[in-house]
Amino acid sequence: MLVAVDGSESSDLAVEEAIGMDENCSNLKEVYAVPVASSKDGLTHAQELVEAVCKKGLARAPHVGFHPLTLVGKHAPDMATWT
């Protein structure tokens, strides 16, 4: 499972849903958390949130592997343009 983490209410709800699924689903083995930020300046905070999500997930569902991903390369505005 892939979970985007940005600190928003929607992201927090998605994280809670993912952890809840992990607690109750024996088939789910891996969760990858990716930091999301609206600018490069916010990536450090987003990465800290990802680390916290993984720690929380491991505490509640120790049978699932929680993996924090680190962003490298181009940030979102360079990759996608909304019109």
N, C-alpha and C. Protein backbone atom coordinates (compact mmCIF):
# COMPACT_ATOMS: atom_id res chain seq x y z
N MET A 1 0.85 -1.16 0.00
CA MET A 1 0.00 0.00 0.00
C MET A 1 0.90 1.23 0.00
N LEU A 2 0.48 2.26 -0.72
CA LEU A 2 1.19 3.53 -0.76
C LEU A 2 0.31 4.60 -0.13
N VAL A 3 0.89 5.35 0.81
CA VAL A 3 0.15 6.41 1.48
C VAL A 3 0.94 7.71 1.33
N ALA A 4 0.28 8.74 0.80
CA ALA A 4 0.88 10.06 0.69
C ALA A 4 0.66 10.81 2.00
N VAL A 5 1.71 11.42 2.51
CA VAL A 5 1.65 12.10 3.81
C VAL A 5 2.03 13.57 3.62
N ASP A 6 1.07 14.46 3.97
CA ASP A 6 1.37 15.89 3.87
C ASP A 6 0.90 16.69 5.09
N GLY A 7 0.32 16.00 6.09
CA GLY A 7 -0.12 16.69 7.29
C GLY A 7 -1.51 17.26 7.22
N SER A 8 -2.17 17.12 6.07
CA SER A 8 -3.54 17.63 5.94
C SER A 8 -4.52 16.69 6.63
N GLU A 9 -5.74 17.17 6.83
CA GLU A 9 -6.76 16.33 7.45
C GLU A 9 -7.04 15.08 6.60
N SER A 10 -7.08 15.26 5.29
CA SER A 10 -7.32 14.12 4.39
C SER A 10 -6.20 13.10 4.47
N SER A 11 -4.99 13.58 4.52
CA SER A 11 -3.83 12.69 4.64
C SER A 11 -3.88 11.94 5.97
N ASP A 12 -4.20 12.65 7.05
CA ASP A 12 -4.28 12.02 8.37
C ASP A 12 -5.35 10.92 8.37
N LEU A 13 -6.49 11.19 7.73
CA LEU A 13 -7.54 10.19 7.65
C LEU A 13 -7.10 8.98 6.83
N ALA A 14 -6.38 9.22 5.75
CA ALA A 14 -5.88 8.12 4.93
C ALA A 14 -4.88 7.27 5.71
N VAL A 15 -4.03 7.92 6.48
CA VAL A 15 -3.06 7.20 7.30
C VAL A 15 -3.79 6.34 8.33
N GLU A 16 -4.78 6.91 9.00
CA GLU A 16 -5.55 6.15 9.99
C GLU A 16 -6.25 4.96 9.35
N GLU A 17 -6.80 5.16 8.17
CA GLU A 17 -7.46 4.07 7.45
C GLU A 17 -6.47 2.97 7.09
N ALA A 18 -5.29 3.37 6.62
CA ALA A 18 -4.27 2.39 6.26
C ALA A 18 -3.82 1.59 7.49
N ILE A 19 -3.58 2.27 8.59
CA ILE A 19 -3.15 1.57 9.80
C ILE A 19 -4.27 0.66 10.30
N GLY A 20 -5.51 1.12 10.23
CA GLY A 20 -6.64 0.29 10.63
C GLY A 20 -6.74 -0.96 9.78
N MET A 21 -6.51 -0.82 8.48
CA MET A 21 -6.51 -1.99 7.60
C MET A 21 -5.39 -2.94 7.98
N ASP A 22 -4.24 -2.37 8.30
CA ASP A 22 -3.09 -3.19 8.67
C ASP A 22 -3.35 -4.00 9.93
N GLU A 23 -4.07 -3.40 10.86
CA GLU A 23 -4.37 -4.07 12.12
C GLU A 23 -5.31 -5.26 11.91
N ASN A 24 -6.15 -5.18 10.89
CA ASN A 24 -7.21 -6.18 10.71
C ASN A 24 -7.06 -7.06 9.48
N CYS A 25 -6.05 -6.86 8.69
CA CYS A 25 -5.89 -7.62 7.44
C CYS A 25 -4.56 -8.36 7.46
N SER A 26 -4.64 -9.67 7.49
CA SER A 26 -3.40 -10.45 7.54
C SER A 26 -2.70 -10.52 6.19
N ASN A 27 -3.39 -10.14 5.12
CA ASN A 27 -2.79 -10.20 3.79
C ASN A 27 -1.93 -8.98 3.47
N LEU A 28 -2.14 -7.89 4.19
CA LEU A 28 -1.37 -6.68 3.94
C LEU A 28 -0.02 -6.79 4.63
N LYS A 29 1.06 -6.73 3.88
CA LYS A 29 2.39 -6.96 4.44
C LYS A 29 3.29 -5.74 4.42
N GLU A 30 3.04 -4.80 3.51
CA GLU A 30 3.94 -3.66 3.35
C GLU A 30 3.15 -2.37 3.15
N VAL A 31 3.62 -1.31 3.79
CA VAL A 31 3.07 0.03 3.59
C VAL A 31 4.24 0.96 3.30
N TYR A 32 4.12 1.73 2.25
CA TYR A 32 5.13 2.72 1.88
C TYR A 32 4.52 4.11 2.06
N ALA A 33 5.18 4.93 2.84
CA ALA A 33 4.71 6.29 3.10
C ALA A 33 5.61 7.27 2.34
N VAL A 34 5.00 8.11 1.54
CA VAL A 34 5.74 9.07 0.72
C VAL A 34 5.41 10.49 1.18
N PRO A 35 6.44 11.31 1.40
CA PRO A 35 6.18 12.70 1.80
C PRO A 35 5.69 13.53 0.61
N VAL A 36 4.74 14.42 0.89
CA VAL A 36 4.21 15.31 -0.14
C VAL A 36 4.23 16.73 0.43
N ALA A 37 4.72 17.68 -0.37
CA ALA A 37 4.77 19.08 0.05
C ALA A 37 4.50 19.96 -1.16
N SER A 38 3.99 21.14 -0.89
CA SER A 38 3.68 22.07 -1.99
C SER A 38 4.92 22.82 -2.47
N SER A 39 6.01 22.73 -1.71
CA SER A 39 7.26 23.37 -2.13
C SER A 39 8.44 22.59 -1.56
N LYS A 40 9.61 22.87 -2.08
CA LYS A 40 10.81 22.21 -1.56
C LYS A 40 11.02 22.52 -0.09
N ASP A 41 10.61 23.70 0.33
CA ASP A 41 10.78 24.12 1.72
C ASP A 41 9.99 23.22 2.68
N GLY A 42 8.90 22.66 2.24
CA GLY A 42 8.06 21.82 3.10
C GLY A 42 8.46 20.36 3.14
N LEU A 43 9.43 19.96 2.32
CA LEU A 43 9.80 18.55 2.26
C LEU A 43 10.41 18.03 3.56
N THR A 44 11.16 18.85 4.25
CA THR A 44 11.76 18.40 5.51
C THR A 44 10.67 18.06 6.51
N HIS A 45 9.69 18.93 6.64
CA HIS A 45 8.58 18.67 7.55
C HIS A 45 7.79 17.44 7.10
N ALA A 46 7.56 17.32 5.81
CA ALA A 46 6.82 16.17 5.28
C ALA A 46 7.57 14.88 5.57
N GLN A 47 8.89 14.90 5.46
CA GLN A 47 9.69 13.71 5.74
C GLN A 47 9.58 13.34 7.23
N GLU A 48 9.55 14.35 8.10
CA GLU A 48 9.37 14.09 9.53
C GLU A 48 8.01 13.45 9.80
N LEU A 49 6.98 13.91 9.10
CA LEU A 49 5.65 13.33 9.24
C LEU A 49 5.65 11.86 8.80
N VAL A 50 6.34 11.57 7.71
CA VAL A 50 6.43 10.20 7.21
C VAL A 50 7.09 9.29 8.25
N GLU A 51 8.17 9.76 8.85
CA GLU A 51 8.85 8.97 9.88
C GLU A 51 7.90 8.69 11.04
N ALA A 52 7.13 9.69 11.45
CA ALA A 52 6.17 9.53 12.55
C ALA A 52 5.07 8.54 12.18
N VAL A 53 4.60 8.60 10.95
CA VAL A 53 3.57 7.68 10.49
C VAL A 53 4.08 6.24 10.56
N CYS A 54 5.30 6.02 10.12
CA CYS A 54 5.86 4.67 10.13
C CYS A 54 6.03 4.15 11.56
N LYS A 55 6.48 5.00 12.46
CA LYS A 55 6.62 4.59 13.86
C LYS A 55 5.26 4.24 14.45
N LYS A 56 4.26 5.06 14.17
CA LYS A 56 2.91 4.82 14.68
C LYS A 56 2.36 3.51 14.10
N GLY A 57 2.55 3.31 12.82
CA GLY A 57 2.07 2.09 12.18
C GLY A 57 2.72 0.84 12.75
N LEU A 58 4.03 0.89 12.95
CA LEU A 58 4.74 -0.26 13.52
C LEU A 58 4.29 -0.56 14.94
N ALA A 59 3.96 0.48 15.69
CA ALA A 59 3.49 0.28 17.07
C ALA A 59 2.12 -0.40 17.08
N ARG A 60 1.27 -0.05 16.14
CA ARG A 60 -0.10 -0.58 16.12
C ARG A 60 -0.24 -1.87 15.31
N ALA A 61 0.64 -2.07 14.33
CA ALA A 61 0.56 -3.26 13.48
C ALA A 61 1.98 -3.77 13.22
N PRO A 62 2.61 -4.37 14.24
CA PRO A 62 4.01 -4.77 14.11
C PRO A 62 4.27 -5.86 13.07
N HIS A 63 3.25 -6.55 12.60
CA HIS A 63 3.42 -7.60 11.60
C HIS A 63 3.52 -7.03 10.18
N VAL A 64 3.33 -5.72 10.04
CA VAL A 64 3.37 -5.07 8.72
C VAL A 64 4.66 -4.26 8.61
N GLY A 65 5.29 -4.31 7.47
CA GLY A 65 6.49 -3.49 7.23
C GLY A 65 6.08 -2.09 6.81
N PHE A 66 6.50 -1.11 7.57
CA PHE A 66 6.25 0.30 7.23
C PHE A 66 7.55 0.90 6.74
N HIS A 67 7.52 1.49 5.55
CA HIS A 67 8.72 1.99 4.92
C HIS A 67 8.58 3.47 4.55
N PRO A 68 9.38 4.33 5.15
CA PRO A 68 9.36 5.73 4.74
C PRO A 68 10.13 5.91 3.44
N LEU A 69 9.55 6.59 2.49
CA LEU A 69 10.23 6.87 1.23
C LEU A 69 10.78 8.29 1.27
N THR A 70 11.90 8.48 0.64
CA THR A 70 12.51 9.79 0.55
C THR A 70 12.43 10.27 -0.89
N LEU A 71 11.96 11.48 -1.07
CA LEU A 71 11.85 12.02 -2.42
C LEU A 71 13.21 12.48 -2.94
N VAL A 72 13.46 12.16 -4.17
CA VAL A 72 14.66 12.65 -4.85
C VAL A 72 14.24 13.08 -6.25
N GLY A 73 15.03 13.91 -6.85
CA GLY A 73 14.73 14.33 -8.21
C GLY A 73 13.87 15.58 -8.25
N LYS A 74 13.03 15.66 -9.26
CA LYS A 74 12.22 16.86 -9.49
C LYS A 74 11.02 16.91 -8.57
N HIS A 75 10.68 18.11 -8.11
CA HIS A 75 9.48 18.25 -7.30
C HIS A 75 8.25 18.37 -8.20
N ALA A 76 7.09 18.22 -7.61
CA ALA A 76 5.84 18.06 -8.36
C ALA A 76 5.60 19.09 -9.46
N PRO A 77 5.80 20.40 -9.24
CA PRO A 77 5.50 21.34 -10.33
C PRO A 77 6.31 21.08 -11.59
N ASP A 78 7.48 20.45 -11.45
CA ASP A 78 8.28 20.13 -12.62
C ASP A 78 7.77 18.87 -13.31
N MET A 79 6.98 18.07 -12.60
CA MET A 79 6.54 16.80 -13.14
C MET A 79 5.12 16.87 -13.72
N ALA A 80 4.27 17.70 -13.14
CA ALA A 80 2.88 17.75 -13.59
C ALA A 80 2.38 19.19 -13.61
N THR A 81 1.58 19.49 -14.57
CA THR A 81 0.99 20.83 -14.66
C THR A 81 -0.51 20.67 -14.74
N TRP A 82 -1.21 21.39 -13.86
CA TRP A 82 -2.66 21.39 -13.87
C TRP A 82 -3.13 22.52 -14.76
N THR A 83 -4.05 22.24 -15.66
CA THR A 83 -4.59 23.28 -16.53
C THR A 83 -6.06 23.45 -16.33
